[in-house]
């Protein structure tokens, strides 16, 4: 799923008050961290992942895209050392519903 800049901004706004639920420390990104991110993003739809100061992991856009590919999610953006990921819930979870409503409103404006 490719996000438009407006969709990305909307998801960043929704994520603003969220606390990071996965932290990447000096152990770096291993299979356990990837599995944790995959499980949490599937359950919560929109999450933040924090790279701790003692981590040797360098935050780059490619890293976000790589994690997203491995966790079947979408890399939204990063703010400082915090990455934001989104995974739409097929059962129409709360975040997915808000996101779909936002997309529908945007298409109505474009078509008018």
PDB file of N, CA and C in Angstrom:
ATOM      1  N   UNK A   1       0.847  -1.171   0.000  1.00  0.00           N
ATOM      2  CA  UNK A   1       0.000   0.000   0.000  1.00  0.00           C
ATOM      3  C   UNK A   1       0.890   1.231   0.000  1.00  0.00           C
ATOM      4  N   UNK A   2       0.683   2.074  -0.989  1.00  0.00           N
ATOM      5  CA  UNK A   2       1.397   3.353  -1.031  1.00  0.00           C
ATOM      6  C   UNK A   2       0.499   4.431  -0.457  1.00  0.00           C
ATOM      7  N   UNK A   3       1.036   5.228   0.414  1.00  0.00           N
ATOM      8  CA  UNK A   3       0.273   6.287   1.051  1.00  0.00           C
ATOM      9  C   UNK A   3       0.537   7.620   0.371  1.00  0.00           C
ATOM     10  N   UNK A   4      -0.516   8.407   0.210  1.00  0.00           N
ATOM     11  CA  UNK A   4      -0.329   9.771  -0.283  1.00  0.00           C
ATOM     12  C   UNK A   4       0.203  10.613   0.873  1.00  0.00           C
ATOM     13  N   UNK A   5       0.651  11.796   0.571  1.00  0.00           N
ATOM     14  CA  UNK A   5       1.168  12.655   1.642  1.00  0.00           C
ATOM     15  C   UNK A   5       0.057  13.029   2.620  1.00  0.00           C
ATOM     16  N   UNK A   6      -1.174  13.197   2.131  1.00  0.00           N
ATOM     17  CA  UNK A   6      -2.297  13.510   3.019  1.00  0.00           C
ATOM     18  C   UNK A   6      -2.635  12.323   3.915  1.00  0.00           C
ATOM     19  N   UNK A   7      -2.603  11.113   3.367  1.00  0.00           N
ATOM     20  CA  UNK A   7      -2.869   9.911   4.169  1.00  0.00           C
ATOM     21  C   UNK A   7      -1.785   9.732   5.228  1.00  0.00           C
ATOM     22  N   UNK A   8      -0.550   9.963   4.826  1.00  0.00           N
ATOM     23  CA  UNK A   8       0.592   9.859   5.751  1.00  0.00           C
ATOM     24  C   UNK A   8       0.433  10.873   6.895  1.00  0.00           C
ATOM     25  N   UNK A   9       0.051  12.103   6.558  1.00  0.00           N
ATOM     26  CA  UNK A   9      -0.133  13.151   7.568  1.00  0.00           C
ATOM     27  C   UNK A   9      -1.289  12.789   8.507  1.00  0.00           C
ATOM     28  N   UNK A  10      -2.359  12.212   7.962  1.00  0.00           N
ATOM     29  CA  UNK A  10      -3.500  11.819   8.781  1.00  0.00           C
ATOM     30  C   UNK A  10      -3.090  10.739   9.779  1.00  0.00           C
ATOM     31  N   UNK A  11      -2.346   9.732   9.330  1.00  0.00           N
ATOM     32  CA  UNK A  11      -1.895   8.659  10.221  1.00  0.00           C
ATOM     33  C   UNK A  11      -0.910   9.189  11.267  1.00  0.00           C
ATOM     34  N   UNK A  12      -0.050  10.113  10.879  1.00  0.00           N
ATOM     35  CA  UNK A  12       0.876  10.721  11.848  1.00  0.00           C
ATOM     36  C   UNK A  12       0.094  11.452  12.933  1.00  0.00           C
ATOM     37  N   UNK A  13      -0.978  12.137  12.540  1.00  0.00           N
ATOM     38  CA  UNK A  13      -1.820  12.841  13.504  1.00  0.00           C
ATOM     39  C   UNK A  13      -2.467  11.847  14.468  1.00  0.00           C
ATOM     40  N   UNK A  14      -2.971  10.732  13.943  1.00  0.00           N
ATOM     41  CA  UNK A  14      -3.580   9.712  14.802  1.00  0.00           C
ATOM     42  C   UNK A  14      -2.548   9.109  15.765  1.00  0.00           C
ATOM     43  N   UNK A  15      -1.312   9.004  15.308  1.00  0.00           N
ATOM     44  CA  UNK A  15      -0.258   8.380  16.117  1.00  0.00           C
ATOM     45  C   UNK A  15       0.337   9.338  17.150  1.00  0.00           C
ATOM     46  N   UNK A  16       0.031  10.602  17.045  1.00  0.00           N
ATOM     47  CA  UNK A  16       0.676  11.620  17.886  1.00  0.00           C
ATOM     48  C   UNK A  16       0.664  11.275  19.375  1.00  0.00           C
ATOM     49  N   UNK A  17      -0.470  10.872  19.909  1.00  0.00           N
ATOM     50  CA  UNK A  17      -0.585  10.614  21.348  1.00  0.00           C
ATOM     51  C   UNK A  17      -0.216   9.191  21.750  1.00  0.00           C
ATOM     52  N   UNK A  18       0.154   8.359  20.788  1.00  0.00           N
ATOM     53  CA  UNK A  18       0.519   6.973  21.117  1.00  0.00           C
ATOM     54  C   UNK A  18       1.911   6.925  21.738  1.00  0.00           C
ATOM     55  N   UNK A  19       2.077   6.003  22.672  1.00  0.00           N
ATOM     56  CA  UNK A  19       3.400   5.740  23.243  1.00  0.00           C
ATOM     57  C   UNK A  19       4.060   4.627  22.422  1.00  0.00           C
ATOM     58  N   UNK A  20       5.388   4.665  22.263  1.00  0.00           N
ATOM     59  CA  UNK A  20       6.064   3.560  21.577  1.00  0.00           C
ATOM     60  C   UNK A  20       5.826   2.240  22.315  1.00  0.00           C
ATOM     61  N   UNK A  21       5.470   1.196  21.578  1.00  0.00           N
ATOM     62  CA  UNK A  21       5.169  -0.090  22.201  1.00  0.00           C
ATOM     63  C   UNK A  21       6.278  -1.115  21.983  1.00  0.00           C
ATOM     64  N   UNK A  22       7.157  -0.837  21.046  1.00  0.00           N
ATOM     65  CA  UNK A  22       8.317  -1.708  20.819  1.00  0.00           C
ATOM     66  C   UNK A  22       9.541  -0.809  20.863  1.00  0.00           C
ATOM     67  N   UNK A  23      10.578  -1.308  21.516  1.00  0.00           N
ATOM     68  CA  UNK A  23      11.822  -0.536  21.613  1.00  0.00           C
ATOM     69  C   UNK A  23      12.973  -1.354  21.040  1.00  0.00           C
ATOM     70  N   UNK A  24      13.822  -0.674  20.295  1.00  0.00           N
ATOM     71  CA  UNK A  24      14.991  -1.325  19.708  1.00  0.00           C
ATOM     72  C   UNK A  24      16.205  -0.848  20.493  1.00  0.00           C
ATOM     73  N   UNK A  25      16.865  -1.769  21.175  1.00  0.00           N
ATOM     74  CA  UNK A  25      18.007  -1.428  22.016  1.00  0.00           C
ATOM     75  C   UNK A  25      19.314  -1.831  21.401  1.00  0.00           C
ATOM     76  N   UNK A  26      20.299  -2.106  22.285  1.00  0.00           N
ATOM     77  CA  UNK A  26      21.643  -2.410  21.796  1.00  0.00           C
ATOM     78  C   UNK A  26      21.695  -3.731  21.040  1.00  0.00           C
ATOM     79  N   UNK A  27      20.695  -4.581  21.215  1.00  0.00           N
ATOM     80  CA  UNK A  27      20.639  -5.848  20.468  1.00  0.00           C
ATOM     81  C   UNK A  27      20.297  -5.662  19.005  1.00  0.00           C
ATOM     82  N   UNK A  28      19.821  -4.474  18.666  1.00  0.00           N
ATOM     83  CA  UNK A  28      19.492  -4.181  17.273  1.00  0.00           C
ATOM     84  C   UNK A  28      18.185  -4.833  16.838  1.00  0.00           C
ATOM     85  N   UNK A  29      18.057  -4.985  15.553  1.00  0.00           N
ATOM     86  CA  UNK A  29      16.835  -5.559  14.990  1.00  0.00           C
ATOM     87  C   UNK A  29      17.097  -7.015  14.651  1.00  0.00           C
ATOM     88  N   UNK A  30      16.499  -7.895  15.448  1.00  0.00           N
ATOM     89  CA  UNK A  30      16.623  -9.325  15.178  1.00  0.00           C
ATOM     90  C   UNK A  30      15.229  -9.885  14.909  1.00  0.00           C
ATOM     91  N   UNK A  31      15.138 -11.202  14.755  1.00  0.00           N
ATOM     92  CA  UNK A  31      13.849 -11.836  14.441  1.00  0.00           C
ATOM     93  C   UNK A  31      12.814 -11.602  15.537  1.00  0.00           C
ATOM     94  N   UNK A  32      13.257 -11.542  16.795  1.00  0.00           N
ATOM     95  CA  UNK A  32      12.317 -11.310  17.893  1.00  0.00           C
ATOM     96  C   UNK A  32      11.698  -9.914  17.817  1.00  0.00           C
ATOM     97  N   UNK A  33      12.502  -8.924  17.477  1.00  0.00           N
ATOM     98  CA  UNK A  33      11.996  -7.553  17.351  1.00  0.00           C
ATOM     99  C   UNK A  33      11.012  -7.480  16.186  1.00  0.00           C
ATOM    100  N   UNK A  34      11.359  -8.087  15.068  1.00  0.00           N
ATOM    101  CA  UNK A  34      10.471  -8.102  13.892  1.00  0.00           C
ATOM    102  C   UNK A  34       9.151  -8.786  14.250  1.00  0.00           C
ATOM    103  N   UNK A  35       9.234  -9.920  14.953  1.00  0.00           N
ATOM    104  CA  UNK A  35       8.028 -10.646  15.353  1.00  0.00           C
ATOM    105  C   UNK A  35       7.174  -9.801  16.305  1.00  0.00           C
ATOM    106  N   UNK A  36       7.810  -9.106  17.237  1.00  0.00           N
ATOM    107  CA  UNK A  36       7.083  -8.231  18.160  1.00  0.00           C
ATOM    108  C   UNK A  36       6.350  -7.132  17.406  1.00  0.00           C
ATOM    109  N   UNK A  37       7.048  -6.493  16.480  1.00  0.00           N
ATOM    110  CA  UNK A  37       6.426  -5.419  15.692  1.00  0.00           C
ATOM    111  C   UNK A  37       5.249  -5.978  14.901  1.00  0.00           C
ATOM    112  N   UNK A  38       5.446  -7.132  14.256  1.00  0.00           N
ATOM    113  CA  UNK A  38       4.381  -7.740  13.446  1.00  0.00           C
ATOM    114  C   UNK A  38       3.154  -8.048  14.294  1.00  0.00           C
ATOM    115  N   UNK A  39       3.362  -8.617  15.476  1.00  0.00           N
ATOM    116  CA  UNK A  39       2.239  -8.975  16.351  1.00  0.00           C
ATOM    117  C   UNK A  39       1.490  -7.744  16.851  1.00  0.00           C
ATOM    118  N   UNK A  40       2.238  -6.738  17.277  1.00  0.00           N
ATOM    119  CA  UNK A  40       1.605  -5.554  17.857  1.00  0.00           C
ATOM    120  C   UNK A  40       0.884  -4.732  16.789  1.00  0.00           C
ATOM    121  N   UNK A  41       1.482  -4.567  15.618  1.00  0.00           N
ATOM    122  CA  UNK A  41       0.841  -3.758  14.578  1.00  0.00           C
ATOM    123  C   UNK A  41      -0.411  -4.461  14.051  1.00  0.00           C
ATOM    124  N   UNK A  42      -0.396  -5.772  14.058  1.00  0.00           N
ATOM    125  CA  UNK A  42      -1.590  -6.522  13.636  1.00  0.00           C
ATOM    126  C   UNK A  42      -2.739  -6.296  14.629  1.00  0.00           C
ATOM    127  N   UNK A  43      -2.389  -6.245  15.901  1.00  0.00           N
ATOM    128  CA  UNK A  43      -3.391  -6.085  16.958  1.00  0.00           C
ATOM    129  C   UNK A  43      -3.870  -4.640  17.087  1.00  0.00           C
ATOM    130  N   UNK A  44      -2.943  -3.685  17.028  1.00  0.00           N
ATOM    131  CA  UNK A  44      -3.285  -2.279  17.304  1.00  0.00           C
ATOM    132  C   UNK A  44      -3.473  -1.420  16.061  1.00  0.00           C
ATOM    133  N   UNK A  45      -3.071  -1.906  14.910  1.00  0.00           N
ATOM    134  CA  UNK A  45      -3.183  -1.222  13.619  1.00  0.00           C
ATOM    135  C   UNK A  45      -2.166  -0.106  13.410  1.00  0.00           C
ATOM    136  N   UNK A  46      -1.970   0.757  14.400  1.00  0.00           N
ATOM    137  CA  UNK A  46      -1.065   1.892  14.267  1.00  0.00           C
ATOM    138  C   UNK A  46      -0.158   1.909  15.499  1.00  0.00           C
ATOM    139  N   UNK A  47       1.152   1.839  15.267  1.00  0.00           N
ATOM    140  CA  UNK A  47       2.079   1.771  16.408  1.00  0.00           C
ATOM    141  C   UNK A  47       3.301   2.656  16.179  1.00  0.00           C
ATOM    142  N   UNK A  48       3.971   2.916  17.299  1.00  0.00           N
ATOM    143  CA  UNK A  48       5.266   3.596  17.261  1.00  0.00           C
ATOM    144  C   UNK A  48       6.333   2.624  17.760  1.00  0.00           C
ATOM    145  N   UNK A  49       7.500   2.690  17.140  1.00  0.00           N
ATOM    146  CA  UNK A  49       8.657   1.895  17.535  1.00  0.00           C
ATOM    147  C   UNK A  49       9.790   2.873  17.813  1.00  0.00           C
ATOM    148  N   UNK A  50      10.378   2.770  18.989  1.00  0.00           N
ATOM    149  CA  UNK A  50      11.445   3.701  19.381  1.00  0.00           C
ATOM    150  C   UNK A  50      12.811   3.040  19.295  1.00  0.00           C
ATOM    151  N   UNK A  51      13.745   3.742  18.705  1.00  0.00           N
ATOM    152  CA  UNK A  51      15.134   3.298  18.690  1.00  0.00           C
ATOM    153  C   UNK A  51      15.816   3.976  19.870  1.00  0.00           C
ATOM    154  N   UNK A  52      16.253   3.182  20.834  1.00  0.00           N
ATOM    155  CA  UNK A  52      16.854   3.717  22.052  1.00  0.00           C
ATOM    156  C   UNK A  52      18.255   4.277  21.781  1.00  0.00           C
ATOM    157  N   UNK A  53      18.713   5.135  22.679  1.00  0.00           N
ATOM    158  CA  UNK A  53      20.024   5.778  22.507  1.00  0.00           C
ATOM    159  C   UNK A  53      21.175   4.780  22.492  1.00  0.00           C
ATOM    160  N   UNK A  54      21.022   3.670  23.221  1.00  0.00           N
ATOM    161  CA  UNK A  54      22.123   2.704  23.274  1.00  0.00           C
ATOM    162  C   UNK A  54      22.141   1.767  22.066  1.00  0.00           C
ATOM    163  N   UNK A  55      21.228   1.970  21.133  1.00  0.00           N
ATOM    164  CA  UNK A  55      21.164   1.125  19.941  1.00  0.00           C
ATOM    165  C   UNK A  55      22.139   1.619  18.884  1.00  0.00           C
ATOM    166  N   UNK A  56      22.733   0.676  18.170  1.00  0.00           N
ATOM    167  CA  UNK A  56      23.638   1.036  17.076  1.00  0.00           C
ATOM    168  C   UNK A  56      22.868   1.188  15.765  1.00  0.00           C
ATOM    169  N   UNK A  57      21.563   0.979  15.805  1.00  0.00           N
ATOM    170  CA  UNK A  57      20.724   1.059  14.601  1.00  0.00           C
ATOM    171  C   UNK A  57      20.619   2.511  14.149  1.00  0.00           C
ATOM    172  N   UNK A  58      20.902   2.736  12.882  1.00  0.00           N
ATOM    173  CA  UNK A  58      20.783   4.073  12.299  1.00  0.00           C
ATOM    174  C   UNK A  58      19.422   4.185  11.623  1.00  0.00           C
ATOM    175  N   UNK A  59      18.714   5.227  11.953  1.00  0.00           N
ATOM    176  CA  UNK A  59      17.386   5.422  11.396  1.00  0.00           C
ATOM    177  C   UNK A  59      17.469   6.036  10.007  1.00  0.00           C
ATOM    178  N   UNK A  60      17.007   5.276   9.033  1.00  0.00           N
ATOM    179  CA  UNK A  60      16.938   5.742   7.656  1.00  0.00           C
ATOM    180  C   UNK A  60      15.624   5.255   7.074  1.00  0.00           C
ATOM    181  N   UNK A  61      15.147   5.921   6.040  1.00  0.00           N
ATOM    182  CA  UNK A  61      13.888   5.536   5.402  1.00  0.00           C
ATOM    183  C   UNK A  61      13.920   4.071   4.953  1.00  0.00           C
ATOM    184  N   UNK A  62      15.060   3.618   4.452  1.00  0.00           N
ATOM    185  CA  UNK A  62      15.168   2.227   3.989  1.00  0.00           C
ATOM    186  C   UNK A  62      14.901   1.250   5.132  1.00  0.00           C
ATOM    187  N   UNK A  63      15.347   1.618   6.345  1.00  0.00           N
ATOM    188  CA  UNK A  63      15.121   0.762   7.512  1.00  0.00           C
ATOM    189  C   UNK A  63      13.621   0.622   7.774  1.00  0.00           C
ATOM    190  N   UNK A  64      12.904   1.721   7.745  1.00  0.00           N
ATOM    191  CA  UNK A  64      11.454   1.690   7.949  1.00  0.00           C
ATOM    192  C   UNK A  64      10.762   0.843   6.907  1.00  0.00           C
ATOM    193  N   UNK A  65      11.164   1.009   5.646  1.00  0.00           N
ATOM    194  CA  UNK A  65      10.557   0.221   4.566  1.00  0.00           C
ATOM    195  C   UNK A  65      10.894  -1.262   4.692  1.00  0.00           C
ATOM    196  N   UNK A  66      12.104  -1.557   5.141  1.00  0.00           N
ATOM    197  CA  UNK A  66      12.531  -2.953   5.330  1.00  0.00           C
ATOM    198  C   UNK A  66      11.733  -3.622   6.449  1.00  0.00           C
ATOM    199  N   UNK A  67      11.565  -2.926   7.568  1.00  0.00           N
ATOM    200  CA  UNK A  67      10.782  -3.466   8.684  1.00  0.00           C
ATOM    201  C   UNK A  67       9.332  -3.661   8.235  1.00  0.00           C
ATOM    202  N   UNK A  68       8.786  -2.683   7.518  1.00  0.00           N
ATOM    203  CA  UNK A  68       7.402  -2.779   7.038  1.00  0.00           C
ATOM    204  C   UNK A  68       7.220  -4.004   6.142  1.00  0.00           C
ATOM    205  N   UNK A  69       8.174  -4.249   5.254  1.00  0.00           N
ATOM    206  CA  UNK A  69       8.076  -5.402   4.362  1.00  0.00           C
ATOM    207  C   UNK A  69       8.097  -6.713   5.152  1.00  0.00           C
ATOM    208  N   UNK A  70       8.934  -6.785   6.172  1.00  0.00           N
ATOM    209  CA  UNK A  70       9.041  -8.010   6.973  1.00  0.00           C
ATOM    210  C   UNK A  70       7.853  -8.213   7.903  1.00  0.00           C
ATOM    211  N   UNK A  71       7.128  -7.129   8.229  1.00  0.00           N
ATOM    212  CA  UNK A  71       6.011  -7.236   9.168  1.00  0.00           C
ATOM    213  C   UNK A  71       4.656  -7.095   8.474  1.00  0.00           C
ATOM    214  N   UNK A  72       4.672  -7.036   7.150  1.00  0.00           N
ATOM    215  CA  UNK A  72       3.448  -6.914   6.357  1.00  0.00           C
ATOM    216  C   UNK A  72       2.641  -5.688   6.793  1.00  0.00           C
ATOM    217  N   UNK A  73       3.349  -4.574   6.982  1.00  0.00           N
ATOM    218  CA  UNK A  73       2.713  -3.333   7.395  1.00  0.00           C
ATOM    219  C   UNK A  73       3.188  -2.218   6.463  1.00  0.00           C
ATOM    220  N   UNK A  74       2.795  -0.991   6.781  1.00  0.00           N
ATOM    221  CA  UNK A  74       3.202   0.164   5.993  1.00  0.00           C
ATOM    222  C   UNK A  74       4.005   1.092   6.895  1.00  0.00           C
ATOM    223  N   UNK A  75       5.162   1.506   6.414  1.00  0.00           N
ATOM    224  CA  UNK A  75       5.973   2.488   7.128  1.00  0.00           C
ATOM    225  C   UNK A  75       5.370   3.855   6.841  1.00  0.00           C
ATOM    226  N   UNK A  76       4.876   4.512   7.882  1.00  0.00           N
ATOM    227  CA  UNK A  76       4.224   5.805   7.721  1.00  0.00           C
ATOM    228  C   UNK A  76       5.272   6.906   7.658  1.00  0.00           C
ATOM    229  N   UNK A  77       6.083   7.009   8.707  1.00  0.00           N
ATOM    230  CA  UNK A  77       7.105   8.049   8.775  1.00  0.00           C
ATOM    231  C   UNK A  77       7.910   7.859  10.051  1.00  0.00           C
ATOM    232  N   UNK A  78       8.895   8.723  10.250  1.00  0.00           N
ATOM    233  CA  UNK A  78       9.639   8.709  11.506  1.00  0.00           C
ATOM    234  C   UNK A  78       9.740  10.134  12.018  1.00  0.00           C
ATOM    235  N   UNK A  79       9.761  10.234  13.334  1.00  0.00           N
ATOM    236  CA  UNK A  79       9.911  11.517  13.996  1.00  0.00           C
ATOM    237  C   UNK A  79      11.017  11.308  15.018  1.00  0.00           C
ATOM    238  N   UNK A  80      12.144  11.963  14.813  1.00  0.00           N
ATOM    239  CA  UNK A  80      13.290  11.725  15.687  1.00  0.00           C
ATOM    240  C   UNK A  80      13.728  10.274  15.552  1.00  0.00           C
ATOM    241  N   UNK A  81      13.758   9.565  16.674  1.00  0.00           N
ATOM    242  CA  UNK A  81      14.146   8.150  16.642  1.00  0.00           C
ATOM    243  C   UNK A  81      12.931   7.248  16.841  1.00  0.00           C
ATOM    244  N   UNK A  82      11.772   7.721  16.404  1.00  0.00           N
ATOM    245  CA  UNK A  82      10.533   6.962  16.526  1.00  0.00           C
ATOM    246  C   UNK A  82       9.971   6.706  15.133  1.00  0.00           C
ATOM    247  N   UNK A  83       9.703   5.433  14.856  1.00  0.00           N
ATOM    248  CA  UNK A  83       9.121   5.041  13.574  1.00  0.00           C
ATOM    249  C   UNK A  83       7.640   4.748  13.771  1.00  0.00           C
ATOM    250  N   UNK A  84       6.829   5.052  12.777  1.00  0.00           N
ATOM    251  CA  UNK A  84       5.390   4.805  12.844  1.00  0.00           C
ATOM    252  C   UNK A  84       5.022   3.787  11.760  1.00  0.00           C
ATOM    253  N   UNK A  85       4.278   2.754  12.180  1.00  0.00           N
ATOM    254  CA  UNK A  85       3.829   1.714  11.251  1.00  0.00           C
ATOM    255  C   UNK A  85       2.320   1.560  11.325  1.00  0.00           C
ATOM    256  N   UNK A  86       1.724   1.188  10.191  1.00  0.00           N
ATOM    257  CA  UNK A  86       0.280   0.998  10.093  1.00  0.00           C
ATOM    258  C   UNK A  86      -0.014  -0.306   9.374  1.00  0.00           C
ATOM    259  N   UNK A  87      -1.010  -1.025   9.871  1.00  0.00           N
ATOM    260  CA  UNK A  87      -1.493  -2.218   9.182  1.00  0.00           C
ATOM    261  C   UNK A  87      -3.011  -2.209   9.288  1.00  0.00           C
ATOM    262  N   UNK A  88      -3.669  -2.116   8.144  1.00  0.00           N
ATOM    263  CA  UNK A  88      -5.135  -2.076   8.126  1.00  0.00           C
ATOM    264  C   UNK A  88      -5.687  -3.393   8.651  1.00  0.00           C
ATOM    265  N   UNK A  89      -6.725  -3.284   9.454  1.00  0.00           N
ATOM    266  CA  UNK A  89      -7.394  -4.447  10.036  1.00  0.00           C
ATOM    267  C   UNK A  89      -8.567  -4.824   9.144  1.00  0.00           C
ATOM    268  N   UNK A  90      -8.549  -6.047   8.631  1.00  0.00           N
ATOM    269  CA  UNK A  90      -9.623  -6.504   7.745  1.00  0.00           C
ATOM    270  C   UNK A  90     -10.978  -6.525   8.434  1.00  0.00           C
ATOM    271  N   UNK A  91     -10.973  -6.589   9.766  1.00  0.00           N
ATOM    272  CA  UNK A  91     -12.229  -6.617  10.514  1.00  0.00           C
ATOM    273  C   UNK A  91     -12.712  -5.200  10.806  1.00  0.00           C
ATOM    274  N   UNK A  92     -12.115  -4.235  10.143  1.00  0.00           N
ATOM    275  CA  UNK A  92     -12.494  -2.825  10.303  1.00  0.00           C
ATOM    276  C   UNK A  92     -12.305  -2.328  11.728  1.00  0.00           C
ATOM    277  N   UNK A  93     -11.077  -2.397  12.178  1.00  0.00           N
ATOM    278  CA  UNK A  93     -10.741  -1.870  13.495  1.00  0.00           C
ATOM    279  C   UNK A  93     -10.930  -0.363  13.513  1.00  0.00           C
ATOM    280  N   UNK A  94     -10.839   0.219  14.675  1.00  0.00           N
ATOM    281  CA  UNK A  94     -11.107   1.653  14.866  1.00  0.00           C
ATOM    282  C   UNK A  94     -10.220   2.538  13.985  1.00  0.00           C
ATOM    283  N   UNK A  95      -8.925   2.289  13.987  1.00  0.00           N
ATOM    284  CA  UNK A  95      -7.997   3.113  13.202  1.00  0.00           C
ATOM    285  C   UNK A  95      -8.277   2.931  11.714  1.00  0.00           C
ATOM    286  N   UNK A  96      -8.479   1.699  11.282  1.00  0.00           N
ATOM    287  CA  UNK A  96      -8.749   1.423   9.875  1.00  0.00           C
ATOM    288  C   UNK A  96     -10.032   2.122   9.439  1.00  0.00           C
ATOM    289  N   UNK A  97     -11.044   2.102  10.291  1.00  0.00           N
ATOM    290  CA  UNK A  97     -12.308   2.769   9.961  1.00  0.00           C
ATOM    291  C   UNK A  97     -12.080   4.270   9.785  1.00  0.00           C
ATOM    292  N   UNK A  98     -11.366   4.892  10.721  1.00  0.00           N
ATOM    293  CA  UNK A  98     -11.074   6.328  10.609  1.00  0.00           C
ATOM    294  C   UNK A  98     -10.281   6.627   9.339  1.00  0.00           C
ATOM    295  N   UNK A  99      -9.311   5.771   9.036  1.00  0.00           N
ATOM    296  CA  UNK A  99      -8.474   5.953   7.852  1.00  0.00           C
ATOM    297  C   UNK A  99      -9.313   5.827   6.583  1.00  0.00           C
ATOM    298  N   UNK A 100     -10.179   4.811   6.519  1.00  0.00           N
ATOM    299  CA  UNK A 100     -11.026   4.617   5.335  1.00  0.00           C
ATOM    300  C   UNK A 100     -12.016   5.772   5.159  1.00  0.00           C
ATOM    301  N   UNK A 101     -12.572   6.264   6.273  1.00  0.00           N
ATOM    302  CA  UNK A 101     -13.466   7.425   6.205  1.00  0.00           C
ATOM    303  C   UNK A 101     -12.711   8.642   5.652  1.00  0.00           C
ATOM    304  N   UNK A 102     -11.482   8.823   6.127  1.00  0.00           N
ATOM    305  CA  UNK A 102     -10.647   9.929   5.663  1.00  0.00           C
ATOM    306  C   UNK A 102     -10.390   9.807   4.158  1.00  0.00           C
ATOM    307  N   UNK A 103     -10.059   8.598   3.696  1.00  0.00           N
ATOM    308  CA  UNK A 103      -9.789   8.390   2.268  1.00  0.00           C
ATOM    309  C   UNK A 103     -11.038   8.673   1.437  1.00  0.00           C
ATOM    310  N   UNK A 104     -12.199   8.222   1.918  1.00  0.00           N
ATOM    311  CA  UNK A 104     -13.457   8.444   1.201  1.00  0.00           C
ATOM    312  C   UNK A 104     -13.761   9.935   1.071  1.00  0.00           C
ATOM    313  N   UNK A 105     -13.561  10.678   2.147  1.00  0.00           N
ATOM    314  CA  UNK A 105     -13.805  12.122   2.116  1.00  0.00           C
ATOM    315  C   UNK A 105     -12.886  12.794   1.105  1.00  0.00           C
ATOM    316  N   UNK A 106     -11.637  12.368   1.067  1.00  0.00           N
ATOM    317  CA  UNK A 106     -10.686  12.938   0.117  1.00  0.00           C
ATOM    318  C   UNK A 106     -11.078  12.694  -1.321  1.00  0.00           C
ATOM    319  N   UNK A 107     -11.609  11.498  -1.602  1.00  0.00           N
ATOM    320  CA  UNK A 107     -12.019  11.177  -2.980  1.00  0.00           C
ATOM    321  C   UNK A 107     -13.263  11.966  -3.374  1.00  0.00           C
ATOM    322  N   UNK A 108     -14.176  12.202  -2.428  1.00  0.00           N
ATOM    323  CA  UNK A 108     -15.372  12.997  -2.731  1.00  0.00           C
ATOM    324  C   UNK A 108     -14.976  14.412  -3.127  1.00  0.00           C
ATOM    325  N   UNK A 109     -14.031  14.986  -2.403  1.00  0.00           N
ATOM    326  CA  UNK A 109     -13.576  16.348  -2.701  1.00  0.00           C
ATOM    327  C   UNK A 109     -12.936  16.408  -4.079  1.00  0.00           C
ATOM    328  N   UNK A 110     -12.135  15.403  -4.423  1.00  0.00           N
ATOM    329  CA  UNK A 110     -11.458  15.365  -5.716  1.00  0.00           C
ATOM    330  C   UNK A 110     -12.474  15.251  -6.866  1.00  0.00           C
ATOM    331  N   UNK A 111     -13.550  14.473  -6.656  1.00  0.00           N
ATOM    332  CA  UNK A 111     -14.524  14.220  -7.725  1.00  0.00           C
ATOM    333  C   UNK A 111     -15.525  15.351  -7.889  1.00  0.00           C
ATOM    334  N   UNK A 112     -15.633  16.238  -6.927  1.00  0.00           N
ATOM    335  CA  UNK A 112     -16.616  17.335  -7.027  1.00  0.00           C
ATOM    336  C   UNK A 112     -16.143  18.454  -7.910  1.00  0.00           C
TER     337      UNK A 112
END
